[in-house]
Amino acid sequence: MNRRQLLDRIESLVAQEHELRTRVQAGQLSPTEEQVKIRQLEAALDQSWDLLRRRHACRDTGQDPDSVTPRSRANIEGYLQ
């Protein structure tokens, strides 16, 4: 996934998150359903942002950013805040 594709993915995930929140406010989705879906979206966003940051780090150090592969969600969710 190149930089543009990754940014497009992040933008799409953010739009989906906003759509979910709108649907809850309109009564089209229960808060419980929203929580499950939001957790999934947040995990995908975290994974995408991690990949983008790691690609930039590779590029900045003269390495090939295309050599970077996504980390597992479990790995990313285990990061300390």
PDB file of N, CA and C in Angstrom:
ATOM      1  N   MET A   1       0.854  -1.171   0.000  1.00  0.00           N
ATOM      2  CA  MET A   1       0.000   0.000   0.000  1.00  0.00           C
ATOM      3  C   MET A   1       0.902   1.236   0.000  1.00  0.00           C
ATOM      4  N   ASN A   2       0.740   2.100  -0.976  1.00  0.00           N
ATOM      5  CA  ASN A   2       1.568   3.294  -1.020  1.00  0.00           C
ATOM      6  C   ASN A   2       0.987   4.385  -0.101  1.00  0.00           C
ATOM      7  N   ARG A   3       1.705   5.493  -0.007  1.00  0.00           N
ATOM      8  CA  ARG A   3       1.318   6.572   0.911  1.00  0.00           C
ATOM      9  C   ARG A   3      -0.084   7.106   0.592  1.00  0.00           C
ATOM     10  N   ARG A   4      -0.359   7.352  -0.672  1.00  0.00           N
ATOM     11  CA  ARG A   4      -1.663   7.894  -1.057  1.00  0.00           C
ATOM     12  C   ARG A   4      -2.789   6.924  -0.709  1.00  0.00           C
ATOM     13  N   GLN A   5      -2.586   5.653  -0.978  1.00  0.00           N
ATOM     14  CA  GLN A   5      -3.596   4.642  -0.652  1.00  0.00           C
ATOM     15  C   GLN A   5      -3.823   4.582   0.854  1.00  0.00           C
ATOM     16  N   LEU A   6      -2.749   4.700   1.600  1.00  0.00           N
ATOM     17  CA  LEU A   6      -2.852   4.657   3.057  1.00  0.00           C
ATOM     18  C   LEU A   6      -3.613   5.871   3.584  1.00  0.00           C
ATOM     19  N   LEU A   7      -3.315   7.038   3.049  1.00  0.00           N
ATOM     20  CA  LEU A   7      -4.043   8.249   3.463  1.00  0.00           C
ATOM     21  C   LEU A   7      -5.514   8.165   3.070  1.00  0.00           C
ATOM     22  N   ASP A   8      -5.799   7.610   1.893  1.00  0.00           N
ATOM     23  CA  ASP A   8      -7.193   7.426   1.474  1.00  0.00           C
ATOM     24  C   ASP A   8      -7.918   6.472   2.413  1.00  0.00           C
ATOM     25  N   ARG A   9      -7.222   5.417   2.836  1.00  0.00           N
ATOM     26  CA  ARG A   9      -7.820   4.452   3.772  1.00  0.00           C
ATOM     27  C   ARG A   9      -8.139   5.125   5.105  1.00  0.00           C
ATOM     28  N   ILE A  10      -7.212   5.912   5.605  1.00  0.00           N
ATOM     29  CA  ILE A  10      -7.426   6.621   6.874  1.00  0.00           C
ATOM     30  C   ILE A  10      -8.621   7.557   6.748  1.00  0.00           C
ATOM     31  N   GLU A  11      -8.678   8.295   5.649  1.00  0.00           N
ATOM     32  CA  GLU A  11      -9.802   9.209   5.427  1.00  0.00           C
ATOM     33  C   GLU A  11     -11.130   8.458   5.385  1.00  0.00           C
ATOM     34  N   SER A  12     -11.147   7.313   4.732  1.00  0.00           N
ATOM     35  CA  SER A  12     -12.361   6.507   4.645  1.00  0.00           C
ATOM     36  C   SER A  12     -12.782   5.988   6.022  1.00  0.00           C
ATOM     37  N   LEU A  13     -11.827   5.537   6.810  1.00  0.00           N
ATOM     38  CA  LEU A  13     -12.140   5.030   8.147  1.00  0.00           C
ATOM     39  C   LEU A  13     -12.697   6.131   9.040  1.00  0.00           C
ATOM     40  N   VAL A  14     -12.130   7.317   8.945  1.00  0.00           N
ATOM     41  CA  VAL A  14     -12.618   8.459   9.735  1.00  0.00           C
ATOM     42  C   VAL A  14     -14.047   8.802   9.305  1.00  0.00           C
ATOM     43  N   ALA A  15     -14.308   8.783   8.008  1.00  0.00           N
ATOM     44  CA  ALA A  15     -15.657   9.064   7.505  1.00  0.00           C
ATOM     45  C   ALA A  15     -16.652   8.022   8.020  1.00  0.00           C
ATOM     46  N   GLN A  16     -16.232   6.763   8.045  1.00  0.00           N
ATOM     47  CA  GLN A  16     -17.100   5.708   8.570  1.00  0.00           C
ATOM     48  C   GLN A  16     -17.399   5.930  10.046  1.00  0.00           C
ATOM     49  N   GLU A  17     -16.398   6.372  10.791  1.00  0.00           N
ATOM     50  CA  GLU A  17     -16.590   6.651  12.214  1.00  0.00           C
ATOM     51  C   GLU A  17     -17.615   7.776  12.405  1.00  0.00           C
ATOM     52  N   HIS A  18     -17.498   8.835  11.619  1.00  0.00           N
ATOM     53  CA  HIS A  18     -18.453   9.943  11.710  1.00  0.00           C
ATOM     54  C   HIS A  18     -19.864   9.477  11.342  1.00  0.00           C
ATOM     55  N   GLU A  19     -19.954   8.641  10.330  1.00  0.00           N
ATOM     56  CA  GLU A  19     -21.249   8.112   9.900  1.00  0.00           C
ATOM     57  C   GLU A  19     -21.901   7.294  11.019  1.00  0.00           C
ATOM     58  N   LEU A  20     -21.103   6.481  11.699  1.00  0.00           N
ATOM     59  CA  LEU A  20     -21.645   5.693  12.818  1.00  0.00           C
ATOM     60  C   LEU A  20     -22.208   6.594  13.905  1.00  0.00           C
ATOM     61  N   ARG A  21     -21.460   7.622  14.238  1.00  0.00           N
ATOM     62  CA  ARG A  21     -21.912   8.535  15.298  1.00  0.00           C
ATOM     63  C   ARG A  21     -23.196   9.257  14.881  1.00  0.00           C
ATOM     64  N   THR A  22     -23.296   9.618  13.626  1.00  0.00           N
ATOM     65  CA  THR A  22     -24.504  10.262  13.106  1.00  0.00           C
ATOM     66  C   THR A  22     -25.692   9.310  13.182  1.00  0.00           C
ATOM     67  N   ARG A  23     -25.467   8.056  12.833  1.00  0.00           N
ATOM     68  CA  ARG A  23     -26.541   7.069  12.863  1.00  0.00           C
ATOM     69  C   ARG A  23     -27.033   6.828  14.294  1.00  0.00           C
ATOM     70  N   VAL A  24     -26.135   6.854  15.273  1.00  0.00           N
ATOM     71  CA  VAL A  24     -26.551   6.679  16.666  1.00  0.00           C
ATOM     72  C   VAL A  24     -27.399   7.868  17.096  1.00  0.00           C
ATOM     73  N   GLN A  25     -26.956   9.060  16.760  1.00  0.00           N
ATOM     74  CA  GLN A  25     -27.712  10.264  17.128  1.00  0.00           C
ATOM     75  C   GLN A  25     -29.095  10.275  16.486  1.00  0.00           C
ATOM     76  N   ALA A  26     -29.214   9.684  15.298  1.00  0.00           N
ATOM     77  CA  ALA A  26     -30.497   9.641  14.591  1.00  0.00           C
ATOM     78  C   ALA A  26     -31.358   8.459  15.033  1.00  0.00           C
ATOM     79  N   GLY A  27     -30.826   7.632  15.946  1.00  0.00           N
ATOM     80  CA  GLY A  27     -31.578   6.489  16.436  1.00  0.00           C
ATOM     81  C   GLY A  27     -31.593   5.303  15.487  1.00  0.00           C
ATOM     82  N   GLN A  28     -30.702   5.306  14.507  1.00  0.00           N
ATOM     83  CA  GLN A  28     -30.644   4.223  13.529  1.00  0.00           C
ATOM     84  C   GLN A  28     -29.723   3.089  13.957  1.00  0.00           C
ATOM     85  N   LEU A  29     -28.978   3.309  15.018  1.00  0.00           N
ATOM     86  CA  LEU A  29     -28.005   2.328  15.492  1.00  0.00           C
ATOM     87  C   LEU A  29     -27.949   2.418  17.009  1.00  0.00           C
ATOM     88  N   SER A  30     -27.953   1.287  17.662  1.00  0.00           N
ATOM     89  CA  SER A  30     -27.904   1.306  19.131  1.00  0.00           C
ATOM     90  C   SER A  30     -26.489   1.662  19.595  1.00  0.00           C
ATOM     91  N   PRO A  31     -26.369   2.245  20.778  1.00  0.00           N
ATOM     92  CA  PRO A  31     -25.049   2.565  21.319  1.00  0.00           C
ATOM     93  C   PRO A  31     -24.158   1.320  21.448  1.00  0.00           C
ATOM     94  N   THR A  32     -24.753   0.185  21.736  1.00  0.00           N
ATOM     95  CA  THR A  32     -23.967  -1.049  21.852  1.00  0.00           C
ATOM     96  C   THR A  32     -23.372  -1.437  20.506  1.00  0.00           C
ATOM     97  N   GLU A  33     -24.189  -1.375  19.471  1.00  0.00           N
ATOM     98  CA  GLU A  33     -23.688  -1.681  18.120  1.00  0.00           C
ATOM     99  C   GLU A  33     -22.605  -0.687  17.718  1.00  0.00           C
ATOM    100  N   GLU A  34     -22.821   0.569  18.080  1.00  0.00           N
ATOM    101  CA  GLU A  34     -21.836   1.597  17.758  1.00  0.00           C
ATOM    102  C   GLU A  34     -20.501   1.282  18.424  1.00  0.00           C
ATOM    103  N   GLN A  35     -20.531   0.896  19.693  1.00  0.00           N
ATOM    104  CA  GLN A  35     -19.290   0.627  20.417  1.00  0.00           C
ATOM    105  C   GLN A  35     -18.482  -0.482  19.755  1.00  0.00           C
ATOM    106  N   VAL A  36     -19.160  -1.539  19.343  1.00  0.00           N
ATOM    107  CA  VAL A  36     -18.473  -2.652  18.689  1.00  0.00           C
ATOM    108  C   VAL A  36     -17.828  -2.187  17.383  1.00  0.00           C
ATOM    109  N   LYS A  37     -18.590  -1.473  16.589  1.00  0.00           N
ATOM    110  CA  LYS A  37     -18.088  -1.016  15.292  1.00  0.00           C
ATOM    111  C   LYS A  37     -16.991   0.038  15.451  1.00  0.00           C
ATOM    112  N   ILE A  38     -17.151   0.910  16.433  1.00  0.00           N
ATOM    113  CA  ILE A  38     -16.139   1.941  16.676  1.00  0.00           C
ATOM    114  C   ILE A  38     -14.824   1.291  17.089  1.00  0.00           C
ATOM    115  N   ARG A  39     -14.883   0.280  17.937  1.00  0.00           N
ATOM    116  CA  ARG A  39     -13.650  -0.417  18.336  1.00  0.00           C
ATOM    117  C   ARG A  39     -12.938  -1.003  17.128  1.00  0.00           C
ATOM    118  N   GLN A  40     -13.704  -1.579  16.210  1.00  0.00           N
ATOM    119  CA  GLN A  40     -13.115  -2.155  15.000  1.00  0.00           C
ATOM    120  C   GLN A  40     -12.471  -1.064  14.137  1.00  0.00           C
ATOM    121  N   LEU A  41     -13.175   0.047  13.978  1.00  0.00           N
ATOM    122  CA  LEU A  41     -12.638   1.150  13.189  1.00  0.00           C
ATOM    123  C   LEU A  41     -11.388   1.745  13.837  1.00  0.00           C
ATOM    124  N   GLU A  42     -11.423   1.909  15.160  1.00  0.00           N
ATOM    125  CA  GLU A  42     -10.270   2.468  15.860  1.00  0.00           C
ATOM    126  C   GLU A  42      -9.047   1.568  15.706  1.00  0.00           C
ATOM    127  N   ALA A  43      -9.250   0.254  15.769  1.00  0.00           N
ATOM    128  CA  ALA A  43      -8.139  -0.682  15.596  1.00  0.00           C
ATOM    129  C   ALA A  43      -7.565  -0.566  14.182  1.00  0.00           C
ATOM    130  N   ALA A  44      -8.438  -0.457  13.184  1.00  0.00           N
ATOM    131  CA  ALA A  44      -7.981  -0.311  11.797  1.00  0.00           C
ATOM    132  C   ALA A  44      -7.256   1.021  11.606  1.00  0.00           C
ATOM    133  N   LEU A  45      -7.756   2.075  12.250  1.00  0.00           N
ATOM    134  CA  LEU A  45      -7.089   3.379  12.174  1.00  0.00           C
ATOM    135  C   LEU A  45      -5.716   3.332  12.831  1.00  0.00           C
ATOM    136  N   ASP A  46      -5.639   2.735  14.003  1.00  0.00           N
ATOM    137  CA  ASP A  46      -4.352   2.616  14.691  1.00  0.00           C
ATOM    138  C   ASP A  46      -3.342   1.872  13.818  1.00  0.00           C
ATOM    139  N   GLN A  47      -3.794   0.805  13.198  1.00  0.00           N
ATOM    140  CA  GLN A  47      -2.931   0.005  12.341  1.00  0.00           C
ATOM    141  C   GLN A  47      -2.478   0.830  11.116  1.00  0.00           C
ATOM    142  N   SER A  48      -3.374   1.590  10.554  1.00  0.00           N
ATOM    143  CA  SER A  48      -3.031   2.409   9.384  1.00  0.00           C
ATOM    144  C   SER A  48      -2.063   3.533   9.739  1.00  0.00           C
ATOM    145  N   TRP A  49      -2.328   4.224  10.850  1.00  0.00           N
ATOM    146  CA  TRP A  49      -1.421   5.294  11.280  1.00  0.00           C
ATOM    147  C   TRP A  49      -0.042   4.740  11.606  1.00  0.00           C
ATOM    148  N   ASP A  50       0.009   3.579  12.249  1.00  0.00           N
ATOM    149  CA  ASP A  50       1.290   2.952  12.570  1.00  0.00           C
ATOM    150  C   ASP A  50       2.076   2.668  11.293  1.00  0.00           C
ATOM    151  N   LEU A  51       1.401   2.101  10.308  1.00  0.00           N
ATOM    152  CA  LEU A  51       2.065   1.785   9.047  1.00  0.00           C
ATOM    153  C   LEU A  51       2.565   3.062   8.366  1.00  0.00           C
ATOM    154  N   LEU A  52       1.768   4.110   8.363  1.00  0.00           N
ATOM    155  CA  LEU A  52       2.176   5.372   7.752  1.00  0.00           C
ATOM    156  C   LEU A  52       3.404   5.945   8.455  1.00  0.00           C
ATOM    157  N   ARG A  53       3.403   5.952   9.787  1.00  0.00           N
ATOM    158  CA  ARG A  53       4.562   6.472  10.537  1.00  0.00           C
ATOM    159  C   ARG A  53       5.823   5.656  10.258  1.00  0.00           C
ATOM    160  N   ARG A  54       5.665   4.338  10.188  1.00  0.00           N
ATOM    161  CA  ARG A  54       6.823   3.481   9.935  1.00  0.00           C
ATOM    162  C   ARG A  54       7.337   3.655   8.506  1.00  0.00           C
ATOM    163  N   ARG A  55       6.442   3.864   7.557  1.00  0.00           N
ATOM    164  CA  ARG A  55       6.864   4.133   6.172  1.00  0.00           C
ATOM    165  C   ARG A  55       7.650   5.444   6.111  1.00  0.00           C
ATOM    166  N   HIS A  56       7.173   6.467   6.808  1.00  0.00           N
ATOM    167  CA  HIS A  56       7.882   7.755   6.827  1.00  0.00           C
ATOM    168  C   HIS A  56       9.262   7.592   7.461  1.00  0.00           C
ATOM    169  N   ALA A  57       9.341   6.825   8.536  1.00  0.00           N
ATOM    170  CA  ALA A  57      10.629   6.611   9.204  1.00  0.00           C
ATOM    171  C   ALA A  57      11.613   5.917   8.264  1.00  0.00           C
ATOM    172  N   CYS A  58      11.141   4.942   7.527  1.00  0.00           N
ATOM    173  CA  CYS A  58      12.020   4.259   6.564  1.00  0.00           C
ATOM    174  C   CYS A  58      12.501   5.225   5.492  1.00  0.00           C
ATOM    175  N   ARG A  59      11.570   5.977   4.953  1.00  0.00           N
ATOM    176  CA  ARG A  59      11.923   6.942   3.907  1.00  0.00           C
ATOM    177  C   ARG A  59      12.939   7.962   4.431  1.00  0.00           C
ATOM    178  N   ASP A  60      12.710   8.449   5.655  1.00  0.00           N
ATOM    179  CA  ASP A  60      13.592   9.463   6.237  1.00  0.00           C
ATOM    180  C   ASP A  60      14.994   8.947   6.519  1.00  0.00           C
ATOM    181  N   THR A  61      15.133   7.645   6.664  1.00  0.00           N
ATOM    182  CA  THR A  61      16.456   7.058   6.933  1.00  0.00           C
ATOM    183  C   THR A  61      17.059   6.409   5.686  1.00  0.00           C
ATOM    184  N   GLY A  62      16.462   6.690   4.522  1.00  0.00           N
ATOM    185  CA  GLY A  62      17.006   6.195   3.276  1.00  0.00           C
ATOM    186  C   GLY A  62      16.656   4.749   2.945  1.00  0.00           C
ATOM    187  N   GLN A  63      15.725   4.169   3.682  1.00  0.00           N
ATOM    188  CA  GLN A  63      15.296   2.803   3.416  1.00  0.00           C
ATOM    189  C   GLN A  63      14.064   2.813   2.519  1.00  0.00           C
ATOM    190  N   ASP A  64      13.716   1.655   2.026  1.00  0.00           N
ATOM    191  CA  ASP A  64      12.567   1.522   1.129  1.00  0.00           C
ATOM    192  C   ASP A  64      11.268   1.458   1.928  1.00  0.00           C
ATOM    193  N   PRO A  65      10.412   2.473   1.817  1.00  0.00           N
ATOM    194  CA  PRO A  65       9.152   2.446   2.576  1.00  0.00           C
ATOM    195  C   PRO A  65       8.224   1.314   2.142  1.00  0.00           C
ATOM    196  N   ASP A  66       8.402   0.827   0.909  1.00  0.00           N
ATOM    197  CA  ASP A  66       7.563  -0.272   0.432  1.00  0.00           C
ATOM    198  C   ASP A  66       7.907  -1.603   1.092  1.00  0.00           C
ATOM    199  N   SER A  67       9.027  -1.638   1.815  1.00  0.00           N
ATOM    200  CA  SER A  67       9.410  -2.875   2.507  1.00  0.00           C
ATOM    201  C   SER A  67       8.680  -3.046   3.843  1.00  0.00           C
ATOM    202  N   VAL A  68       8.001  -1.992   4.283  1.00  0.00           N
ATOM    203  CA  VAL A  68       7.303  -2.027   5.570  1.00  0.00           C
ATOM    204  C   VAL A  68       5.968  -2.757   5.401  1.00  0.00           C
ATOM    205  N   THR A  69       5.713  -3.679   6.303  1.00  0.00           N
ATOM    206  CA  THR A  69       4.441  -4.402   6.289  1.00  0.00           C
ATOM    207  C   THR A  69       3.636  -4.038   7.529  1.00  0.00           C
ATOM    208  N   PRO A  70       2.322  -4.138   7.443  1.00  0.00           N
ATOM    209  CA  PRO A  70       1.485  -3.790   8.606  1.00  0.00           C
ATOM    210  C   PRO A  70       1.754  -4.725   9.781  1.00  0.00           C
ATOM    211  N   ARG A  71       1.723  -4.156  10.962  1.00  0.00           N
ATOM    212  CA  ARG A  71       1.806  -4.959  12.179  1.00  0.00           C
ATOM    213  C   ARG A  71       0.411  -5.478  12.503  1.00  0.00           C
ATOM    214  N   SER A  72       0.369  -6.540  13.264  1.00  0.00           N
ATOM    215  CA  SER A  72      -0.928  -7.101  13.651  1.00  0.00           C
ATOM    216  C   SER A  72      -1.656  -6.131  14.577  1.00  0.00           C
ATOM    217  N   ARG A  73      -2.965  -6.220  14.563  1.00  0.00           N
ATOM    218  CA  ARG A  73      -3.761  -5.375  15.468  1.00  0.00           C
ATOM    219  C   ARG A  73      -3.425  -5.677  16.916  1.00  0.00           C
ATOM    220  N   ALA A  74      -3.207  -6.939  17.228  1.00  0.00           N
ATOM    221  CA  ALA A  74      -2.876  -7.322  18.602  1.00  0.00           C
ATOM    222  C   ALA A  74      -1.592  -6.640  19.051  1.00  0.00           C
ATOM    223  N   ASN A  75      -0.620  -6.566  18.167  1.00  0.00           N
ATOM    224  CA  ASN A  75       0.648  -5.911  18.487  1.00  0.00           C
ATOM    225  C   ASN A  75       0.435  -4.432  18.741  1.00  0.00           C
ATOM    226  N   ILE A  76      -0.315  -3.792  17.876  1.00  0.00           N
ATOM    227  CA  ILE A  76      -0.541  -2.342  17.984  1.00  0.00           C
ATOM    228  C   ILE A  76      -1.400  -2.012  19.204  1.00  0.00           C
ATOM    229  N   GLU A  77      -2.395  -2.827  19.481  1.00  0.00           N
ATOM    230  CA  GLU A  77      -3.276  -2.571  20.627  1.00  0.00           C
ATOM    231  C   GLU A  77      -2.536  -2.760  21.942  1.00  0.00           C
ATOM    232  N   GLY A  78      -1.390  -3.432  21.914  1.00  0.00           N
ATOM    233  CA  GLY A  78      -0.605  -3.650  23.124  1.00  0.00           C
ATOM    234  C   GLY A  78       0.345  -2.504  23.452  1.00  0.00           C
ATOM    235  N   TYR A  79       0.380  -1.456  22.599  1.00  0.00           N
ATOM    236  CA  TYR A  79       1.256  -0.321  22.857  1.00  0.00           C
ATOM    237  C   TYR A  79       0.832   0.377  24.139  1.00  0.00           C
ATOM    238  N   LEU A  80       1.820   0.878  24.843  1.00  0.00           N
ATOM    239  CA  LEU A  80       1.529   1.688  26.026  1.00  0.00           C
ATOM    240  C   LEU A  80       1.207   3.101  25.590  1.00  0.00           C
ATOM    241  N   GLN A  81       0.233   3.702  26.218  1.00  0.00           N
ATOM    242  CA  GLN A  81      -0.144   5.079  25.886  1.00  0.00           C
ATOM    243  C   GLN A  81       0.724   6.056  26.622  1.00  0.00           C
TER     244      GLN A  81
END
